[in-house]
Amino acid sequence: MRITVICVGKLKERFFRDACAEYEKRLGRYCRLEIIEVADEKTPEGASEALEEQIREKEAARILRHVREDAYVYTLEIEGKKPDSVAFARQLESLALKGQSHIQFVIGGSLGLHGSVSRVAHSAVSFSNMTFPHQLMRVILLEQIYRSFRIIAGEPYHK
């Protein structure tokens, strides 16, 4: 299976990069993982809603260049479905059993995703009602993907 994570912005802090590198290494035995970083836009303090929408639109254009028609696309959105880890694993397993060999996950920037990205997604997923920094969300997503593959393989995982 091929997993692509499309995310806005680079990981700035070393601890985020180290955590992602660890999960990338662990995932190597389960899938082919690719992480695509697209440039983020700087948001001025006190930006108007119109300016924020323009920023989301610019970031969306960069994201959409990487979304593939043959892939099943998940967006990470606070309004998305909130499966537990086992249900999330079963979703990934079901996609694989149906012959879906490429899954893409999209993480927006600090302002979230533009509607044009949400509309191309097959599913929106949320890991919490809480808001997380998008850099931390990348770590959380990779951990949940790794956990899913462990569950699918019948291997032990921490509950």
N, C-alpha and C. Protein backbone atom coordinates (compact mmCIF):
# COMPACT_ATOMS: atom_id res chain seq x y z
N MET A 1 0.85 -1.18 0.00
CA MET A 1 0.00 0.00 0.00
C MET A 1 0.89 1.23 0.00
N ARG A 2 0.41 2.26 -0.66
CA ARG A 2 1.13 3.53 -0.73
C ARG A 2 0.33 4.56 0.07
N ILE A 3 1.01 5.23 0.98
CA ILE A 3 0.41 6.28 1.80
C ILE A 3 1.15 7.58 1.50
N THR A 4 0.39 8.61 1.16
CA THR A 4 0.97 9.93 0.94
C THR A 4 0.33 10.89 1.93
N VAL A 5 1.17 11.65 2.60
CA VAL A 5 0.70 12.71 3.49
C VAL A 5 1.07 14.03 2.83
N ILE A 6 0.06 14.80 2.51
CA ILE A 6 0.27 16.12 1.92
C ILE A 6 0.00 17.14 3.02
N CYS A 7 1.00 17.94 3.33
CA CYS A 7 0.83 18.87 4.44
C CYS A 7 1.36 20.25 4.10
N VAL A 8 0.74 21.22 4.71
CA VAL A 8 1.13 22.62 4.51
C VAL A 8 2.22 22.95 5.52
N GLY A 9 3.34 23.43 5.03
CA GLY A 9 4.42 23.88 5.91
C GLY A 9 5.43 22.79 6.21
N LYS A 10 6.58 23.25 6.62
CA LYS A 10 7.68 22.36 7.01
C LYS A 10 7.67 22.19 8.52
N LEU A 11 8.25 21.09 8.96
CA LEU A 11 8.41 20.88 10.40
C LEU A 11 9.59 21.72 10.86
N LYS A 12 9.34 22.67 11.72
CA LYS A 12 10.39 23.58 12.14
C LYS A 12 11.17 23.06 13.35
N GLU A 13 10.47 22.46 14.29
CA GLU A 13 11.12 21.99 15.51
C GLU A 13 11.72 20.61 15.30
N ARG A 14 12.91 20.44 15.85
CA ARG A 14 13.63 19.17 15.70
C ARG A 14 12.84 18.00 16.30
N PHE A 15 12.17 18.22 17.43
CA PHE A 15 11.47 17.12 18.08
C PHE A 15 10.33 16.60 17.21
N PHE A 16 9.67 17.47 16.42
CA PHE A 16 8.65 17.01 15.49
C PHE A 16 9.29 16.22 14.35
N ARG A 17 10.41 16.72 13.84
CA ARG A 17 11.11 16.01 12.75
C ARG A 17 11.58 14.63 13.22
N ASP A 18 12.11 14.57 14.44
CA ASP A 18 12.59 13.29 14.98
C ASP A 18 11.44 12.30 15.16
N ALA A 19 10.32 12.78 15.67
CA ALA A 19 9.16 11.90 15.87
C ALA A 19 8.64 11.38 14.53
N CYS A 20 8.54 12.26 13.55
CA CYS A 20 8.08 11.83 12.22
C CYS A 20 9.06 10.84 11.60
N ALA A 21 10.34 11.09 11.75
CA ALA A 21 11.35 10.19 11.20
C ALA A 21 11.23 8.80 11.82
N GLU A 22 10.94 8.74 13.10
CA GLU A 22 10.77 7.45 13.77
C GLU A 22 9.58 6.69 13.21
N TYR A 23 8.46 7.37 13.04
CA TYR A 23 7.28 6.70 12.48
C TYR A 23 7.46 6.35 11.01
N GLU A 24 8.17 7.18 10.26
CA GLU A 24 8.47 6.84 8.87
C GLU A 24 9.27 5.54 8.81
N LYS A 25 10.24 5.41 9.71
CA LYS A 25 11.06 4.19 9.77
C LYS A 25 10.19 2.98 10.13
N ARG A 26 9.36 3.11 11.13
CA ARG A 26 8.50 2.01 11.56
C ARG A 26 7.50 1.61 10.47
N LEU A 27 6.97 2.60 9.76
CA LEU A 27 5.99 2.32 8.71
C LEU A 27 6.60 1.64 7.49
N GLY A 28 7.91 1.71 7.35
CA GLY A 28 8.58 1.13 6.20
C GLY A 28 8.29 -0.34 5.97
N ARG A 29 7.98 -1.07 7.02
CA ARG A 29 7.69 -2.49 6.85
C ARG A 29 6.24 -2.76 6.45
N TYR A 30 5.39 -1.73 6.50
CA TYR A 30 3.97 -1.91 6.20
C TYR A 30 3.51 -1.25 4.91
N CYS A 31 4.16 -0.17 4.53
CA CYS A 31 3.68 0.59 3.37
C CYS A 31 4.81 1.42 2.78
N ARG A 32 4.53 1.98 1.64
CA ARG A 32 5.43 2.96 1.04
C ARG A 32 4.88 4.34 1.41
N LEU A 33 5.63 5.06 2.22
CA LEU A 33 5.18 6.35 2.74
C LEU A 33 5.89 7.48 2.02
N GLU A 34 5.11 8.47 1.63
CA GLU A 34 5.66 9.68 1.03
C GLU A 34 5.04 10.87 1.76
N ILE A 35 5.88 11.83 2.12
CA ILE A 35 5.40 13.05 2.74
C ILE A 35 5.71 14.20 1.80
N ILE A 36 4.68 14.93 1.43
CA ILE A 36 4.82 16.07 0.54
C ILE A 36 4.50 17.33 1.34
N GLU A 37 5.45 18.22 1.41
CA GLU A 37 5.24 19.49 2.10
C GLU A 37 5.05 20.58 1.05
N VAL A 38 3.97 21.32 1.19
CA VAL A 38 3.74 22.47 0.32
C VAL A 38 3.95 23.74 1.15
N ALA A 39 4.35 24.81 0.49
CA ALA A 39 4.64 26.06 1.20
C ALA A 39 3.40 26.61 1.88
N ASP A 40 3.62 27.15 3.06
CA ASP A 40 2.53 27.82 3.77
C ASP A 40 2.63 29.31 3.52
N GLU A 41 1.53 29.98 3.74
CA GLU A 41 1.46 31.43 3.60
C GLU A 41 1.55 32.05 4.99
N LYS A 42 2.25 33.14 5.09
CA LYS A 42 2.31 33.86 6.37
C LYS A 42 0.99 34.59 6.58
N THR A 43 0.46 34.46 7.78
CA THR A 43 -0.78 35.13 8.13
C THR A 43 -0.47 36.29 9.06
N PRO A 44 -0.73 37.51 8.60
CA PRO A 44 -0.46 38.66 9.48
C PRO A 44 -1.40 38.65 10.70
N GLU A 45 -0.89 39.17 11.79
CA GLU A 45 -1.69 39.28 13.00
C GLU A 45 -2.93 40.13 12.71
N GLY A 46 -4.09 39.68 13.14
CA GLY A 46 -5.32 40.43 12.94
C GLY A 46 -5.82 40.43 11.51
N ALA A 47 -5.47 39.39 10.75
CA ALA A 47 -5.90 39.31 9.35
C ALA A 47 -7.42 39.22 9.26
N SER A 48 -7.96 39.85 8.24
CA SER A 48 -9.41 39.81 8.04
C SER A 48 -9.82 38.42 7.56
N GLU A 49 -11.10 38.13 7.67
CA GLU A 49 -11.61 36.84 7.19
C GLU A 49 -11.36 36.70 5.69
N ALA A 50 -11.48 37.80 4.95
CA ALA A 50 -11.25 37.76 3.50
C ALA A 50 -9.79 37.40 3.19
N LEU A 51 -8.86 37.97 3.95
CA LEU A 51 -7.44 37.66 3.74
C LEU A 51 -7.16 36.21 4.13
N GLU A 52 -7.75 35.76 5.23
CA GLU A 52 -7.56 34.35 5.64
C GLU A 52 -8.09 33.41 4.56
N GLU A 53 -9.21 33.75 3.95
CA GLU A 53 -9.76 32.91 2.87
C GLU A 53 -8.81 32.90 1.67
N GLN A 54 -8.20 34.03 1.35
CA GLN A 54 -7.23 34.09 0.25
C GLN A 54 -6.02 33.21 0.56
N ILE A 55 -5.59 33.22 1.80
CA ILE A 55 -4.44 32.39 2.21
C ILE A 55 -4.80 30.91 2.07
N ARG A 56 -5.98 30.51 2.56
CA ARG A 56 -6.41 29.11 2.43
C ARG A 56 -6.48 28.72 0.95
N GLU A 57 -6.95 29.64 0.12
CA GLU A 57 -7.08 29.36 -1.32
C GLU A 57 -5.71 29.13 -1.97
N LYS A 58 -4.73 29.95 -1.61
CA LYS A 58 -3.37 29.78 -2.16
C LYS A 58 -2.78 28.44 -1.72
N GLU A 59 -2.96 28.12 -0.44
CA GLU A 59 -2.44 26.84 0.05
C GLU A 59 -3.17 25.68 -0.62
N ALA A 60 -4.48 25.83 -0.85
CA ALA A 60 -5.27 24.78 -1.51
C ALA A 60 -4.74 24.50 -2.91
N ALA A 61 -4.40 25.54 -3.65
CA ALA A 61 -3.88 25.35 -5.01
C ALA A 61 -2.62 24.50 -4.97
N ARG A 62 -1.77 24.72 -3.99
CA ARG A 62 -0.54 23.94 -3.85
C ARG A 62 -0.85 22.48 -3.47
N ILE A 63 -1.81 22.30 -2.59
CA ILE A 63 -2.22 20.95 -2.17
C ILE A 63 -2.79 20.19 -3.35
N LEU A 64 -3.71 20.82 -4.06
CA LEU A 64 -4.46 20.13 -5.12
C LEU A 64 -3.56 19.67 -6.27
N ARG A 65 -2.41 20.28 -6.44
CA ARG A 65 -1.45 19.82 -7.46
C ARG A 65 -0.96 18.40 -7.17
N HIS A 66 -1.06 17.99 -5.93
CA HIS A 66 -0.53 16.68 -5.52
C HIS A 66 -1.60 15.61 -5.30
N VAL A 67 -2.85 16.02 -5.28
CA VAL A 67 -3.94 15.06 -5.07
C VAL A 67 -4.12 14.25 -6.36
N ARG A 68 -4.13 12.93 -6.22
CA ARG A 68 -4.22 12.04 -7.37
C ARG A 68 -5.62 11.46 -7.50
N GLU A 69 -6.08 11.37 -8.73
CA GLU A 69 -7.42 10.82 -9.00
C GLU A 69 -7.54 9.36 -8.58
N ASP A 70 -6.43 8.62 -8.65
CA ASP A 70 -6.48 7.19 -8.33
C ASP A 70 -6.37 6.93 -6.82
N ALA A 71 -6.22 7.98 -6.03
CA ALA A 71 -6.04 7.81 -4.58
C ALA A 71 -7.35 8.03 -3.84
N TYR A 72 -7.44 7.38 -2.69
CA TYR A 72 -8.53 7.65 -1.75
C TYR A 72 -8.02 8.77 -0.85
N VAL A 73 -8.76 9.86 -0.77
CA VAL A 73 -8.28 11.06 -0.08
C VAL A 73 -9.03 11.29 1.23
N TYR A 74 -8.25 11.39 2.30
CA TYR A 74 -8.76 11.79 3.61
C TYR A 74 -8.27 13.21 3.89
N THR A 75 -9.15 14.07 4.33
CA THR A 75 -8.71 15.35 4.87
C THR A 75 -8.80 15.28 6.38
N LEU A 76 -7.89 15.95 7.05
CA LEU A 76 -7.95 16.05 8.50
C LEU A 76 -8.64 17.36 8.83
N GLU A 77 -9.83 17.25 9.40
CA GLU A 77 -10.65 18.42 9.69
C GLU A 77 -11.35 18.21 11.01
N ILE A 78 -11.44 19.25 11.79
CA ILE A 78 -12.05 19.13 13.11
C ILE A 78 -13.50 18.65 13.02
N GLU A 79 -14.18 18.93 11.90
CA GLU A 79 -15.57 18.50 11.73
C GLU A 79 -15.68 17.08 11.18
N GLY A 80 -14.55 16.43 10.92
CA GLY A 80 -14.57 15.09 10.34
C GLY A 80 -15.07 14.03 11.31
N LYS A 81 -15.25 12.83 10.78
CA LYS A 81 -15.65 11.70 11.62
C LYS A 81 -14.54 11.39 12.60
N LYS A 82 -14.92 10.90 13.77
CA LYS A 82 -13.96 10.63 14.83
C LYS A 82 -13.93 9.14 15.17
N PRO A 83 -13.31 8.34 14.32
CA PRO A 83 -13.24 6.91 14.62
C PRO A 83 -12.25 6.64 15.74
N ASP A 84 -12.45 5.55 16.45
CA ASP A 84 -11.40 5.14 17.38
C ASP A 84 -10.32 4.44 16.55
N SER A 85 -9.24 4.05 17.19
CA SER A 85 -8.10 3.48 16.46
C SER A 85 -8.46 2.19 15.72
N VAL A 86 -9.26 1.35 16.34
CA VAL A 86 -9.64 0.09 15.69
C VAL A 86 -10.53 0.36 14.47
N ALA A 87 -11.47 1.26 14.61
CA ALA A 87 -12.34 1.59 13.47
C ALA A 87 -11.53 2.22 12.34
N PHE A 88 -10.57 3.06 12.67
CA PHE A 88 -9.71 3.68 11.66
C PHE A 88 -8.90 2.60 10.93
N ALA A 89 -8.36 1.66 11.69
CA ALA A 89 -7.61 0.55 11.09
C ALA A 89 -8.50 -0.26 10.15
N ARG A 90 -9.72 -0.52 10.57
CA ARG A 90 -10.65 -1.29 9.74
C ARG A 90 -10.99 -0.55 8.45
N GLN A 91 -11.08 0.79 8.52
CA GLN A 91 -11.32 1.58 7.31
C GLN A 91 -10.16 1.39 6.32
N LEU A 92 -8.94 1.49 6.82
CA LEU A 92 -7.77 1.32 5.95
C LEU A 92 -7.72 -0.10 5.39
N GLU A 93 -8.02 -1.07 6.23
CA GLU A 93 -8.03 -2.46 5.79
C GLU A 93 -9.09 -2.68 4.71
N SER A 94 -10.26 -2.11 4.91
CA SER A 94 -11.35 -2.24 3.94
C SER A 94 -10.96 -1.63 2.59
N LEU A 95 -10.32 -0.49 2.63
CA LEU A 95 -9.87 0.13 1.38
C LEU A 95 -8.89 -0.78 0.65
N ALA A 96 -7.97 -1.36 1.40
CA ALA A 96 -6.99 -2.26 0.79
C ALA A 96 -7.67 -3.49 0.19
N LEU A 97 -8.64 -4.04 0.90
CA LEU A 97 -9.34 -5.23 0.40
C LEU A 97 -10.15 -4.92 -0.85
N LYS A 98 -10.56 -3.67 -1.00
CA LYS A 98 -11.30 -3.25 -2.19
C LYS A 98 -10.37 -2.88 -3.34
N GLY A 99 -9.06 -3.05 -3.12
CA GLY A 99 -8.10 -2.77 -4.18
C GLY A 99 -7.58 -1.35 -4.22
N GLN A 100 -7.88 -0.57 -3.20
CA GLN A 100 -7.39 0.81 -3.16
C GLN A 100 -5.95 0.78 -2.65
N SER A 101 -5.00 0.97 -3.55
CA SER A 101 -3.60 0.82 -3.17
C SER A 101 -2.92 2.14 -2.80
N HIS A 102 -3.60 3.25 -3.00
CA HIS A 102 -3.00 4.56 -2.69
C HIS A 102 -3.98 5.38 -1.85
N ILE A 103 -3.53 5.77 -0.66
CA ILE A 103 -4.33 6.59 0.24
C ILE A 103 -3.55 7.87 0.50
N GLN A 104 -4.24 8.99 0.36
CA GLN A 104 -3.63 10.28 0.64
C GLN A 104 -4.33 10.93 1.82
N PHE A 105 -3.53 11.52 2.71
CA PHE A 105 -4.03 12.28 3.84
C PHE A 105 -3.59 13.72 3.65
N VAL A 106 -4.50 14.66 3.89
CA VAL A 106 -4.19 16.08 3.70
C VAL A 106 -4.33 16.81 5.03
N ILE A 107 -3.24 17.49 5.42
CA ILE A 107 -3.24 18.31 6.63
C ILE A 107 -3.07 19.75 6.17
N GLY A 108 -4.02 20.59 6.51
CA GLY A 108 -3.97 21.98 6.13
C GLY A 108 -3.01 22.79 6.98
N GLY A 109 -2.96 24.07 6.70
CA GLY A 109 -2.12 24.98 7.46
C GLY A 109 -2.80 25.45 8.73
N SER A 110 -2.25 26.47 9.32
CA SER A 110 -2.76 26.95 10.61
C SER A 110 -4.18 27.50 10.52
N LEU A 111 -4.63 27.87 9.31
CA LEU A 111 -5.99 28.37 9.14
C LEU A 111 -6.97 27.28 8.70
N GLY A 112 -6.49 26.07 8.55
CA GLY A 112 -7.35 24.99 8.10
C GLY A 112 -7.34 24.86 6.59
N LEU A 113 -8.30 24.10 6.07
CA LEU A 113 -8.37 23.80 4.64
C LEU A 113 -9.40 24.65 3.93
N HIS A 114 -9.11 24.97 2.72
CA HIS A 114 -10.07 25.65 1.85
C HIS A 114 -11.11 24.62 1.41
N GLY A 115 -12.32 25.07 1.18
CA GLY A 115 -13.40 24.17 0.77
C GLY A 115 -13.10 23.38 -0.49
N SER A 116 -12.27 23.90 -1.39
CA SER A 116 -11.94 23.18 -2.63
C SER A 116 -11.18 21.89 -2.32
N VAL A 117 -10.44 21.87 -1.24
CA VAL A 117 -9.72 20.65 -0.85
C VAL A 117 -10.71 19.68 -0.19
N SER A 118 -11.55 20.19 0.67
CA SER A 118 -12.54 19.33 1.34
C SER A 118 -13.44 18.65 0.32
N ARG A 119 -13.77 19.34 -0.76
CA ARG A 119 -14.69 18.78 -1.76
C ARG A 119 -14.08 17.62 -2.55
N VAL A 120 -12.77 17.56 -2.69
CA VAL A 120 -12.17 16.44 -3.43
C VAL A 120 -11.95 15.23 -2.54
N ALA A 121 -12.11 15.40 -1.24
CA ALA A 121 -11.86 14.30 -0.31
C ALA A 121 -13.00 13.28 -0.35
N HIS A 122 -12.63 12.03 -0.16
CA HIS A 122 -13.62 10.96 -0.02
C HIS A 122 -14.14 10.89 1.41
N SER A 123 -13.29 11.33 2.35
CA SER A 123 -13.66 11.25 3.75
C SER A 123 -12.88 12.31 4.53
N ALA A 124 -13.52 12.86 5.56
CA ALA A 124 -12.85 13.78 6.47
C ALA A 124 -12.75 13.09 7.83
N VAL A 125 -11.59 13.15 8.42
CA VAL A 125 -11.37 12.49 9.70
C VAL A 125 -10.84 13.52 10.69
N SER A 126 -11.21 13.33 11.95
CA SER A 126 -10.74 14.18 13.04
C SER A 126 -10.27 13.26 14.16
N PHE A 127 -9.20 13.63 14.79
CA PHE A 127 -8.70 12.82 15.89
C PHE A 127 -9.10 13.37 17.25
N SER A 128 -9.77 14.53 17.24
CA SER A 128 -10.21 15.11 18.51
C SER A 128 -11.05 16.35 18.22
N ASN A 129 -11.84 16.74 19.19
CA ASN A 129 -12.53 18.03 19.11
C ASN A 129 -11.59 19.18 19.42
N MET A 130 -10.44 18.84 19.97
CA MET A 130 -9.46 19.87 20.31
C MET A 130 -8.72 20.31 19.05
N THR A 131 -8.15 21.49 19.12
CA THR A 131 -7.33 22.01 18.04
C THR A 131 -5.87 21.73 18.36
N PHE A 132 -5.13 21.20 17.38
CA PHE A 132 -3.71 20.92 17.54
C PHE A 132 -2.92 21.71 16.52
N PRO A 133 -1.68 22.07 16.83
CA PRO A 133 -0.83 22.69 15.81
C PRO A 133 -0.68 21.71 14.63
N HIS A 134 -0.69 22.23 13.41
CA HIS A 134 -0.65 21.32 12.27
C HIS A 134 0.64 20.51 12.22
N GLN A 135 1.72 21.03 12.82
CA GLN A 135 2.96 20.25 12.85
C GLN A 135 2.82 19.04 13.78
N LEU A 136 2.19 19.22 14.92
CA LEU A 136 1.94 18.11 15.83
C LEU A 136 0.97 17.12 15.21
N MET A 137 0.01 17.63 14.44
CA MET A 137 -0.97 16.75 13.81
C MET A 137 -0.30 15.74 12.88
N ARG A 138 0.79 16.13 12.24
CA ARG A 138 1.51 15.20 11.37
C ARG A 138 2.04 14.02 12.17
N VAL A 139 2.58 14.30 13.35
CA VAL A 139 3.08 13.22 14.22
C VAL A 139 1.93 12.32 14.64
N ILE A 140 0.83 12.91 15.07
CA ILE A 140 -0.33 12.14 15.51
C ILE A 140 -0.86 11.27 14.37
N LEU A 141 -0.96 11.83 13.18
CA LEU A 141 -1.43 11.06 12.03
C LEU A 141 -0.52 9.87 11.75
N LEU A 142 0.78 10.10 11.70
CA LEU A 142 1.70 9.00 11.42
C LEU A 142 1.61 7.91 12.48
N GLU A 143 1.45 8.33 13.74
CA GLU A 143 1.31 7.35 14.81
C GLU A 143 0.04 6.53 14.61
N GLN A 144 -1.05 7.16 14.25
CA GLN A 144 -2.31 6.43 14.06
C GLN A 144 -2.26 5.51 12.83
N ILE A 145 -1.58 5.93 11.80
CA ILE A 145 -1.40 5.05 10.63
C ILE A 145 -0.58 3.83 11.04
N TYR A 146 0.51 4.07 11.77
CA TYR A 146 1.34 2.97 12.26
C TYR A 146 0.53 2.03 13.15
N ARG A 147 -0.22 2.60 14.07
CA ARG A 147 -1.06 1.80 14.97
C ARG A 147 -2.06 0.97 14.15
N SER A 148 -2.62 1.58 13.11
CA SER A 148 -3.58 0.87 12.25
C SER A 148 -2.96 -0.36 11.60
N PHE A 149 -1.77 -0.20 11.06
CA PHE A 149 -1.11 -1.34 10.44
C PHE A 149 -0.80 -2.43 11.46
N ARG A 150 -0.46 -2.06 12.67
CA ARG A 150 -0.22 -3.05 13.73
C ARG A 150 -1.53 -3.79 14.06
N ILE A 151 -2.62 -3.07 14.13
CA ILE A 151 -3.92 -3.69 14.41
C ILE A 151 -4.30 -4.63 13.27
N ILE A 152 -4.17 -4.18 12.04
CA ILE A 152 -4.51 -5.00 10.87
C ILE A 152 -3.69 -6.28 10.85
N ALA A 153 -2.41 -6.17 11.22
CA ALA A 153 -1.52 -7.34 11.21
C ALA A 153 -1.72 -8.23 12.42
N GLY A 154 -2.59 -7.84 13.35
CA GLY A 154 -2.80 -8.63 14.55
C GLY A 154 -1.64 -8.56 15.52
N GLU A 155 -0.85 -7.51 15.41
CA GLU A 155 0.31 -7.34 16.28
C GLU A 155 -0.11 -6.51 17.49
N PRO A 156 0.61 -6.67 18.59
CA PRO A 156 0.25 -5.92 19.81
C PRO A 156 0.44 -4.41 19.61
N TYR A 157 -0.39 -3.65 20.27
CA TYR A 157 -0.27 -2.20 20.27
C TYR A 157 -0.75 -1.72 21.62
N HIS A 158 -0.30 -0.55 22.00
CA HIS A 158 -0.69 -0.01 23.31
C HIS A 158 -2.10 0.53 23.26
N LYS A 159 -2.90 0.16 24.23
CA LYS A 159 -4.28 0.65 24.30
C LYS A 159 -4.35 1.86 25.19
